[in-house]
Amino acid sequence: MSRASQITLATTCVTAIGIVGFVHWSQKADKAAMHMGVIRDYEQQRIKRERQADFEMQRELEQEYRKYQSVSDGGGPAAPQQPGGSGP
């Protein structure tokens, strides 16, 4: 084989090995990124369940407190309405 054909063969082999290596690395990186997305989704679902449980507990406490005491809507004392319109 001539020197040029040997260089061409070596370059082609190195390039092919480089491409295959890059593709494998890229696939692993993509798989890891997808796995992190799944982990993030599980974490968001866990947080949502915790918040829902806290909300339910607060609702139960509110119902229990309403049994023992009167609870206003938080509007405070209503301003008396003047008869006949909006001013003196």
Protein backbone atom coordinates (compact mmCIF):
# COMPACT_ATOMS: atom_id res chain seq x y z
CA MET A 1 0.00 0.00 0.00
CA SER A 2 1.16 3.46 -0.72
CA ARG A 3 1.81 6.00 1.97
CA ALA A 4 -1.24 8.08 0.95
CA SER A 5 -3.58 5.08 1.15
CA GLN A 6 -2.23 4.17 4.61
CA ILE A 7 -2.83 7.73 5.85
CA THR A 8 -6.32 7.72 4.34
CA LEU A 9 -7.14 4.37 5.96
CA ALA A 10 -5.81 5.48 9.35
CA THR A 11 -7.67 8.79 9.17
CA THR A 12 -10.90 7.03 8.20
CA CYS A 13 -10.56 4.53 11.06
CA VAL A 14 -9.80 7.24 13.62
CA THR A 15 -12.72 9.34 12.36
CA ALA A 16 -15.11 6.36 12.48
CA ILE A 17 -14.00 5.45 16.01
CA GLY A 18 -14.38 9.10 17.05
CA ILE A 19 -17.89 9.30 15.60
CA VAL A 20 -18.96 6.05 17.28
CA GLY A 21 -17.49 7.23 20.59
CA PHE A 22 -19.23 10.59 20.32
CA VAL A 23 -22.57 8.95 19.51
CA HIS A 24 -22.29 6.67 22.54
CA TRP A 25 -21.32 9.60 24.77
CA SER A 26 -24.22 11.66 23.39
CA GLN A 27 -26.70 8.83 24.01
CA LYS A 28 -25.49 8.44 27.60
CA ALA A 29 -25.81 12.18 28.16
CA ASP A 30 -29.34 12.20 26.71
CA LYS A 31 -30.32 9.21 28.85
CA ALA A 32 -28.96 10.93 31.96
CA ALA A 33 -30.87 14.11 31.10
CA MET A 34 -34.10 12.16 30.63
CA HIS A 35 -33.52 10.37 33.93
CA MET A 36 -33.02 13.70 35.69
CA GLY A 37 -36.36 14.81 34.21
CA VAL A 38 -38.04 11.75 35.73
CA ILE A 39 -36.42 12.43 39.09
CA ARG A 40 -37.53 16.08 38.90
CA ASP A 41 -41.10 14.97 38.09
CA TYR A 42 -41.13 12.58 41.07
CA GLU A 43 -39.88 15.38 43.31
CA GLN A 44 -42.58 17.75 42.06
CA GLN A 45 -45.23 15.08 42.66
CA ARG A 46 -43.88 14.48 46.18
CA ILE A 47 -44.02 18.20 46.95
CA LYS A 48 -47.55 18.40 45.54
CA ARG A 49 -48.65 15.47 47.74
CA GLU A 50 -47.08 17.12 50.80
CA ARG A 51 -48.84 20.40 50.06
CA GLN A 52 -52.14 18.58 49.54
CA ALA A 53 -51.69 16.75 52.86
CA ASP A 54 -50.93 20.06 54.59
CA PHE A 55 -54.01 21.60 52.99
CA GLU A 56 -56.20 18.71 54.13
CA MET A 57 -54.79 18.94 57.66
CA GLN A 58 -55.49 22.69 57.72
CA ARG A 59 -59.03 22.07 56.47
CA GLU A 60 -59.64 19.50 59.20
CA LEU A 61 -58.23 21.85 61.84
CA GLU A 62 -60.43 24.66 60.56
CA GLN A 63 -63.52 22.45 60.78
CA GLU A 64 -62.56 21.38 64.29
CA TYR A 65 -62.00 24.99 65.38
CA ARG A 66 -65.31 26.05 63.86
CA LYS A 67 -67.04 23.52 66.15
CA TYR A 68 -65.66 25.22 69.25
CA GLN A 69 -65.69 28.89 68.31
CA SER A 70 -67.41 31.20 65.90
CA VAL A 71 -65.21 32.26 63.04
CA SER A 72 -65.91 35.33 60.96
CA ASP A 73 -65.07 35.60 57.29
CA GLY A 74 -62.30 38.06 58.10
CA GLY A 75 -64.13 41.07 56.74
CA GLY A 76 -64.17 42.81 60.10
CA PRO A 77 -67.06 44.90 61.31
CA ALA A 78 -69.17 46.14 58.46
CA ALA A 79 -69.42 49.89 57.99
CA PRO A 80 -72.95 51.12 58.61
CA GLN A 81 -74.78 52.05 55.44
CA GLN A 82 -76.37 55.49 55.36
CA PRO A 83 -79.89 55.55 54.06
CA GLY A 84 -80.58 57.54 50.96
CA GLY A 85 -77.39 57.40 49.01
CA SER A 86 -73.70 57.81 49.13
CA GLY A 87 -73.13 60.88 51.22
CA PRO A 88 -74.44 63.76 53.34
